[in-house]
Amino acid sequence: MIKGALKEWHLAHAKNILGKIDSLKNQKADLDDKGNDDRLSAEELQELRGVTHDIHSLSHVNNSIIWQQSRLH
């Protein structure tokens, strides 16, 4: 049961992290471009902060997974 639960968690949270990071980077770039042209609203600034935080969090998770995989090999 535990193995099955871990597989489900992995599929939901850890699969395709690099794709999620790339998507967030594109979203951040769009907000940065908009900020260069006009002023960002308070909601857009909050979104930019959240996207940046998510990028850092997912990068940390990805680095942790890579380190754990290197220990396995």
PDB file of N, CA and C in Angstrom:
ATOM      1  N   MET A   1       0.818  -1.194   0.000  1.00  0.00           N
ATOM      2  CA  MET A   1       0.000   0.000   0.000  1.00  0.00           C
ATOM      3  C   MET A   1       0.863   1.261   0.000  1.00  0.00           C
ATOM      4  N   ILE A   2       1.947   1.233   0.774  1.00  0.00           N
ATOM      5  CA  ILE A   2       2.813   2.405   0.846  1.00  0.00           C
ATOM      6  C   ILE A   2       3.474   2.659  -0.495  1.00  0.00           C
ATOM      7  N   LYS A   3       3.931   1.598  -1.148  1.00  0.00           N
ATOM      8  CA  LYS A   3       4.573   1.744  -2.449  1.00  0.00           C
ATOM      9  C   LYS A   3       3.609   2.364  -3.455  1.00  0.00           C
ATOM     10  N   GLY A   4       2.375   1.929  -3.448  1.00  0.00           N
ATOM     11  CA  GLY A   4       1.367   2.485  -4.349  1.00  0.00           C
ATOM     12  C   GLY A   4       1.096   3.952  -4.065  1.00  0.00           C
ATOM     13  N   ALA A   5       1.026   4.295  -2.781  1.00  0.00           N
ATOM     14  CA  ALA A   5       0.783   5.680  -2.390  1.00  0.00           C
ATOM     15  C   ALA A   5       1.953   6.576  -2.802  1.00  0.00           C
ATOM     16  N   LEU A   6       3.176   6.064  -2.653  1.00  0.00           N
ATOM     17  CA  LEU A   6       4.347   6.834  -3.055  1.00  0.00           C
ATOM     18  C   LEU A   6       4.389   7.051  -4.563  1.00  0.00           C
ATOM     19  N   LYS A   7       3.998   6.027  -5.320  1.00  0.00           N
ATOM     20  CA  LYS A   7       3.958   6.172  -6.780  1.00  0.00           C
ATOM     21  C   LYS A   7       2.939   7.226  -7.188  1.00  0.00           C
ATOM     22  N   GLU A   8       1.777   7.228  -6.548  1.00  0.00           N
ATOM     23  CA  GLU A   8       0.750   8.235  -6.842  1.00  0.00           C
ATOM     24  C   GLU A   8       1.267   9.640  -6.518  1.00  0.00           C
ATOM     25  N   TRP A   9       1.910   9.784  -5.359  1.00  0.00           N
ATOM     26  CA  TRP A   9       2.442  11.078  -4.967  1.00  0.00           C
ATOM     27  C   TRP A   9       3.487  11.544  -5.972  1.00  0.00           C
ATOM     28  N   HIS A  10       4.363  10.631  -6.376  1.00  0.00           N
ATOM     29  CA  HIS A  10       5.420  10.978  -7.330  1.00  0.00           C
ATOM     30  C   HIS A  10       4.821  11.461  -8.648  1.00  0.00           C
ATOM     31  N   LEU A  11       3.811  10.767  -9.135  1.00  0.00           N
ATOM     32  CA  LEU A  11       3.183  11.170 -10.391  1.00  0.00           C
ATOM     33  C   LEU A  11       2.524  12.540 -10.276  1.00  0.00           C
ATOM     34  N   ALA A  12       1.951  12.826  -9.119  1.00  0.00           N
ATOM     35  CA  ALA A  12       1.242  14.090  -8.936  1.00  0.00           C
ATOM     36  C   ALA A  12       2.179  15.267  -8.662  1.00  0.00           C
ATOM     37  N   HIS A  13       3.302  15.018  -7.973  1.00  0.00           N
ATOM     38  CA  HIS A  13       4.125  16.127  -7.504  1.00  0.00           C
ATOM     39  C   HIS A  13       5.510  16.216  -8.132  1.00  0.00           C
ATOM     40  N   ALA A  14       6.095  15.127  -8.524  1.00  0.00           N
ATOM     41  CA  ALA A  14       7.496  15.164  -8.927  1.00  0.00           C
ATOM     42  C   ALA A  14       7.710  14.886 -10.411  1.00  0.00           C
ATOM     43  N   LYS A  15       6.691  14.491 -11.110  1.00  0.00           N
ATOM     44  CA  LYS A  15       6.868  14.169 -12.515  1.00  0.00           C
ATOM     45  C   LYS A  15       6.848  15.452 -13.339  1.00  0.00           C
ATOM     46  N   ASN A  16       7.736  15.544 -14.294  1.00  0.00           N
ATOM     47  CA  ASN A  16       7.829  16.658 -15.230  1.00  0.00           C
ATOM     48  C   ASN A  16       8.080  17.992 -14.533  1.00  0.00           C
ATOM     49  N   ILE A  17       8.967  17.990 -13.570  1.00  0.00           N
ATOM     50  CA  ILE A  17       9.298  19.223 -12.856  1.00  0.00           C
ATOM     51  C   ILE A  17       9.954  20.223 -13.800  1.00  0.00           C
ATOM     52  N   LEU A  18      10.832  19.737 -14.679  1.00  0.00           N
ATOM     53  CA  LEU A  18      11.506  20.650 -15.599  1.00  0.00           C
ATOM     54  C   LEU A  18      10.510  21.331 -16.533  1.00  0.00           C
ATOM     55  N   GLY A  19       9.491  20.616 -16.955  1.00  0.00           N
ATOM     56  CA  GLY A  19       8.451  21.216 -17.788  1.00  0.00           C
ATOM     57  C   GLY A  19       7.681  22.292 -17.041  1.00  0.00           C
ATOM     58  N   LYS A  20       7.403  22.030 -15.766  1.00  0.00           N
ATOM     59  CA  LYS A  20       6.702  23.012 -14.947  1.00  0.00           C
ATOM     60  C   LYS A  20       7.567  24.258 -14.744  1.00  0.00           C
ATOM     61  N   ILE A  21       8.874  24.043 -14.527  1.00  0.00           N
ATOM     62  CA  ILE A  21       9.793  25.166 -14.345  1.00  0.00           C
ATOM     63  C   ILE A  21       9.852  26.009 -15.620  1.00  0.00           C
ATOM     64  N   ASP A  22       9.956  25.353 -16.777  1.00  0.00           N
ATOM     65  CA  ASP A  22       9.992  26.084 -18.048  1.00  0.00           C
ATOM     66  C   ASP A  22       8.715  26.890 -18.260  1.00  0.00           C
ATOM     67  N   SER A  23       7.579  26.303 -17.928  1.00  0.00           N
ATOM     68  CA  SER A  23       6.303  26.999 -18.062  1.00  0.00           C
ATOM     69  C   SER A  23       6.256  28.234 -17.166  1.00  0.00           C
ATOM     70  N   LEU A  24       6.733  28.092 -15.938  1.00  0.00           N
ATOM     71  CA  LEU A  24       6.757  29.226 -15.016  1.00  0.00           C
ATOM     72  C   LEU A  24       7.732  30.299 -15.480  1.00  0.00           C
ATOM     73  N   LYS A  25       8.867  29.885 -16.065  1.00  0.00           N
ATOM     74  CA  LYS A  25       9.832  30.858 -16.582  1.00  0.00           C
ATOM     75  C   LYS A  25       9.225  31.646 -17.739  1.00  0.00           C
ATOM     76  N   ASN A  26       8.453  30.980 -18.585  1.00  0.00           N
ATOM     77  CA  ASN A  26       7.782  31.681 -19.678  1.00  0.00           C
ATOM     78  C   ASN A  26       6.765  32.675 -19.136  1.00  0.00           C
ATOM     79  N   GLN A  27       6.032  32.257 -18.113  1.00  0.00           N
ATOM     80  CA  GLN A  27       5.041  33.136 -17.486  1.00  0.00           C
ATOM     81  C   GLN A  27       5.733  34.345 -16.864  1.00  0.00           C
ATOM     82  N   LYS A  28       6.881  34.114 -16.216  1.00  0.00           N
ATOM     83  CA  LYS A  28       7.635  35.211 -15.607  1.00  0.00           C
ATOM     84  C   LYS A  28       8.159  36.156 -16.680  1.00  0.00           C
ATOM     85  N   ALA A  29       8.650  35.607 -17.786  1.00  0.00           N
ATOM     86  CA  ALA A  29       9.153  36.438 -18.875  1.00  0.00           C
ATOM     87  C   ALA A  29       8.039  37.321 -19.444  1.00  0.00           C
ATOM     88  N   ASP A  30       6.839  36.760 -19.580  1.00  0.00           N
ATOM     89  CA  ASP A  30       5.702  37.543 -20.070  1.00  0.00           C
ATOM     90  C   ASP A  30       5.390  38.705 -19.121  1.00  0.00           C
ATOM     91  N   LEU A  31       5.399  38.419 -17.828  1.00  0.00           N
ATOM     92  CA  LEU A  31       5.130  39.476 -16.849  1.00  0.00           C
ATOM     93  C   LEU A  31       6.252  40.514 -16.846  1.00  0.00           C
ATOM     94  N   ASP A  32       7.508  40.067 -16.992  1.00  0.00           N
ATOM     95  CA  ASP A  32       8.629  41.006 -17.063  1.00  0.00           C
ATOM     96  C   ASP A  32       8.505  41.914 -18.282  1.00  0.00           C
ATOM     97  N   ASP A  33       8.156  41.331 -19.427  1.00  0.00           N
ATOM     98  CA  ASP A  33       7.979  42.133 -20.643  1.00  0.00           C
ATOM     99  C   ASP A  33       6.866  43.156 -20.462  1.00  0.00           C
ATOM    100  N   LYS A  34       5.769  42.722 -19.857  1.00  0.00           N
ATOM    101  CA  LYS A  34       4.657  43.637 -19.618  1.00  0.00           C
ATOM    102  C   LYS A  34       5.076  44.742 -18.657  1.00  0.00           C
ATOM    103  N   GLY A  35       5.891  44.390 -17.667  1.00  0.00           N
ATOM    104  CA  GLY A  35       6.384  45.380 -16.711  1.00  0.00           C
ATOM    105  C   GLY A  35       7.333  46.376 -17.339  1.00  0.00           C
ATOM    106  N   ASN A  36       8.057  45.956 -18.373  1.00  0.00           N
ATOM    107  CA  ASN A  36       8.951  46.871 -19.072  1.00  0.00           C
ATOM    108  C   ASN A  36       8.165  47.871 -19.917  1.00  0.00           C
ATOM    109  N   ASP A  37       7.026  47.449 -20.444  1.00  0.00           N
ATOM    110  CA  ASP A  37       6.205  48.317 -21.285  1.00  0.00           C
ATOM    111  C   ASP A  37       5.301  49.229 -20.462  1.00  0.00           C
ATOM    112  N   ASP A  38       4.644  48.675 -19.462  1.00  0.00           N
ATOM    113  CA  ASP A  38       3.698  49.413 -18.618  1.00  0.00           C
ATOM    114  C   ASP A  38       3.979  49.093 -17.153  1.00  0.00           C
ATOM    115  N   ARG A  39       3.243  49.768 -16.303  1.00  0.00           N
ATOM    116  CA  ARG A  39       3.313  49.432 -14.882  1.00  0.00           C
ATOM    117  C   ARG A  39       2.440  48.221 -14.624  1.00  0.00           C
ATOM    118  N   LEU A  40       2.918  47.358 -13.765  1.00  0.00           N
ATOM    119  CA  LEU A  40       2.141  46.181 -13.383  1.00  0.00           C
ATOM    120  C   LEU A  40       1.167  46.551 -12.269  1.00  0.00           C
ATOM    121  N   SER A  41       0.002  45.946 -12.321  1.00  0.00           N
ATOM    122  CA  SER A  41      -0.974  46.157 -11.256  1.00  0.00           C
ATOM    123  C   SER A  41      -0.532  45.400 -10.001  1.00  0.00           C
ATOM    124  N   ALA A  42      -1.193  45.651  -8.918  1.00  0.00           N
ATOM    125  CA  ALA A  42      -0.864  44.981  -7.656  1.00  0.00           C
ATOM    126  C   ALA A  42      -1.043  43.468  -7.789  1.00  0.00           C
ATOM    127  N   GLU A  43      -2.098  43.065  -8.505  1.00  0.00           N
ATOM    128  CA  GLU A  43      -2.330  41.625  -8.697  1.00  0.00           C
ATOM    129  C   GLU A  43      -1.232  40.997  -9.546  1.00  0.00           C
ATOM    130  N   GLU A  44      -0.781  41.725 -10.569  1.00  0.00           N
ATOM    131  CA  GLU A  44       0.288  41.201 -11.426  1.00  0.00           C
ATOM    132  C   GLU A  44       1.610  41.124 -10.673  1.00  0.00           C
ATOM    133  N   LEU A  45       1.873  42.101  -9.806  1.00  0.00           N
ATOM    134  CA  LEU A  45       3.079  42.038  -8.975  1.00  0.00           C
ATOM    135  C   LEU A  45       3.035  40.848  -8.035  1.00  0.00           C
ATOM    136  N   GLN A  46       1.870  40.608  -7.454  1.00  0.00           N
ATOM    137  CA  GLN A  46       1.701  39.455  -6.570  1.00  0.00           C
ATOM    138  C   GLN A  46       1.893  38.158  -7.355  1.00  0.00           C
ATOM    139  N   GLU A  47       1.362  38.126  -8.572  1.00  0.00           N
ATOM    140  CA  GLU A  47       1.534  36.937  -9.420  1.00  0.00           C
ATOM    141  C   GLU A  47       3.003  36.729  -9.756  1.00  0.00           C
ATOM    142  N   LEU A  48       3.719  37.817 -10.060  1.00  0.00           N
ATOM    143  CA  LEU A  48       5.145  37.731 -10.372  1.00  0.00           C
ATOM    144  C   LEU A  48       5.924  37.190  -9.175  1.00  0.00           C
ATOM    145  N   ARG A  49       5.601  37.651  -7.990  1.00  0.00           N
ATOM    146  CA  ARG A  49       6.265  37.140  -6.777  1.00  0.00           C
ATOM    147  C   ARG A  49       5.964  35.656  -6.574  1.00  0.00           C
ATOM    148  N   GLY A  50       4.718  35.275  -6.794  1.00  0.00           N
ATOM    149  CA  GLY A  50       4.343  33.866  -6.636  1.00  0.00           C
ATOM    150  C   GLY A  50       5.027  32.971  -7.647  1.00  0.00           C
ATOM    151  N   VAL A  51       5.109  33.439  -8.897  1.00  0.00           N
ATOM    152  CA  VAL A  51       5.776  32.653  -9.941  1.00  0.00           C
ATOM    153  C   VAL A  51       7.255  32.489  -9.611  1.00  0.00           C
ATOM    154  N   THR A  52       7.892  33.576  -9.174  1.00  0.00           N
ATOM    155  CA  THR A  52       9.304  33.511  -8.803  1.00  0.00           C
ATOM    156  C   THR A  52       9.519  32.539  -7.645  1.00  0.00           C
ATOM    157  N   HIS A  53       8.649  32.598  -6.662  1.00  0.00           N
ATOM    158  CA  HIS A  53       8.741  31.680  -5.523  1.00  0.00           C
ATOM    159  C   HIS A  53       8.561  30.232  -5.981  1.00  0.00           C
ATOM    160  N   ASP A  54       7.605  29.999  -6.859  1.00  0.00           N
ATOM    161  CA  ASP A  54       7.360  28.643  -7.361  1.00  0.00           C
ATOM    162  C   ASP A  54       8.560  28.116  -8.150  1.00  0.00           C
ATOM    163  N   ILE A  55       9.198  28.979  -8.939  1.00  0.00           N
ATOM    164  CA  ILE A  55      10.390  28.572  -9.696  1.00  0.00           C
ATOM    165  C   ILE A  55      11.486  28.126  -8.738  1.00  0.00           C
ATOM    166  N   HIS A  56      11.714  28.928  -7.697  1.00  0.00           N
ATOM    167  CA  HIS A  56      12.754  28.578  -6.726  1.00  0.00           C
ATOM    168  C   HIS A  56      12.413  27.283  -5.986  1.00  0.00           C
ATOM    169  N   SER A  57      11.160  27.126  -5.616  1.00  0.00           N
ATOM    170  CA  SER A  57      10.747  25.917  -4.896  1.00  0.00           C
ATOM    171  C   SER A  57      10.911  24.674  -5.762  1.00  0.00           C
ATOM    172  N   LEU A  58      10.448  24.748  -7.001  1.00  0.00           N
ATOM    173  CA  LEU A  58      10.562  23.589  -7.889  1.00  0.00           C
ATOM    174  C   LEU A  58      12.020  23.290  -8.242  1.00  0.00           C
ATOM    175  N   SER A  59      12.834  24.329  -8.369  1.00  0.00           N
ATOM    176  CA  SER A  59      14.257  24.115  -8.628  1.00  0.00           C
ATOM    177  C   SER A  59      14.914  23.394  -7.459  1.00  0.00           C
ATOM    178  N   HIS A  60      14.530  23.776  -6.254  1.00  0.00           N
ATOM    179  CA  HIS A  60      15.062  23.112  -5.061  1.00  0.00           C
ATOM    180  C   HIS A  60      14.636  21.642  -5.020  1.00  0.00           C
ATOM    181  N   VAL A  61      13.378  21.375  -5.328  1.00  0.00           N
ATOM    182  CA  VAL A  61      12.879  19.995  -5.359  1.00  0.00           C
ATOM    183  C   VAL A  61      13.620  19.197  -6.430  1.00  0.00           C
ATOM    184  N   ASN A  62      13.810  19.796  -7.602  1.00  0.00           N
ATOM    185  CA  ASN A  62      14.509  19.117  -8.686  1.00  0.00           C
ATOM    186  C   ASN A  62      15.951  18.795  -8.289  1.00  0.00           C
ATOM    187  N   ASN A  63      16.631  19.752  -7.662  1.00  0.00           N
ATOM    188  CA  ASN A  63      18.007  19.501  -7.207  1.00  0.00           C
ATOM    189  C   ASN A  63      18.049  18.391  -6.168  1.00  0.00           C
ATOM    190  N   SER A  64      17.073  18.356  -5.303  1.00  0.00           N
ATOM    191  CA  SER A  64      17.016  17.301  -4.294  1.00  0.00           C
ATOM    192  C   SER A  64      16.823  15.930  -4.948  1.00  0.00           C
ATOM    193  N   ILE A  65      15.945  15.861  -5.940  1.00  0.00           N
ATOM    194  CA  ILE A  65      15.709  14.592  -6.642  1.00  0.00           C
ATOM    195  C   ILE A  65      16.968  14.147  -7.370  1.00  0.00           C
ATOM    196  N   ILE A  66      17.641  15.080  -8.030  1.00  0.00           N
ATOM    197  CA  ILE A  66      18.875  14.738  -8.742  1.00  0.00           C
ATOM    198  C   ILE A  66      19.933  14.233  -7.764  1.00  0.00           C
ATOM    199  N   TRP A  67      20.056  14.891  -6.617  1.00  0.00           N
ATOM    200  CA  TRP A  67      21.040  14.457  -5.627  1.00  0.00           C
ATOM    201  C   TRP A  67      20.696  13.056  -5.130  1.00  0.00           C
ATOM    202  N   GLN A  68      19.417  12.784  -4.849  1.00  0.00           N
ATOM    203  CA  GLN A  68      19.015  11.476  -4.366  1.00  0.00           C
ATOM    204  C   GLN A  68      19.273  10.397  -5.430  1.00  0.00           C
ATOM    205  N   GLN A  69      19.030  10.724  -6.688  1.00  0.00           N
ATOM    206  CA  GLN A  69      19.284   9.758  -7.752  1.00  0.00           C
ATOM    207  C   GLN A  69      20.772   9.482  -7.887  1.00  0.00           C
ATOM    208  N   SER A  70      21.602  10.516  -7.677  1.00  0.00           N
ATOM    209  CA  SER A  70      23.045  10.294  -7.768  1.00  0.00           C
ATOM    210  C   SER A  70      23.520   9.376  -6.646  1.00  0.00           C
ATOM    211  N   ARG A  71      22.897   9.455  -5.479  1.00  0.00           N
ATOM    212  CA  ARG A  71      23.266   8.571  -4.368  1.00  0.00           C
ATOM    213  C   ARG A  71      22.865   7.133  -4.672  1.00  0.00           C
ATOM    214  N   LEU A  72      21.783   6.946  -5.428  1.00  0.00           N
ATOM    215  CA  LEU A  72      21.362   5.595  -5.787  1.00  0.00           C
ATOM    216  C   LEU A  72      22.354   4.930  -6.742  1.00  0.00           C
ATOM    217  N   HIS A  73      22.905   5.739  -7.629  1.00  0.00           N
ATOM    218  CA  HIS A  73      23.837   5.179  -8.620  1.00  0.00           C
ATOM    219  C   HIS A  73      25.219   5.070  -8.030  1.00  0.00           C
TER     220      HIS A  73
END
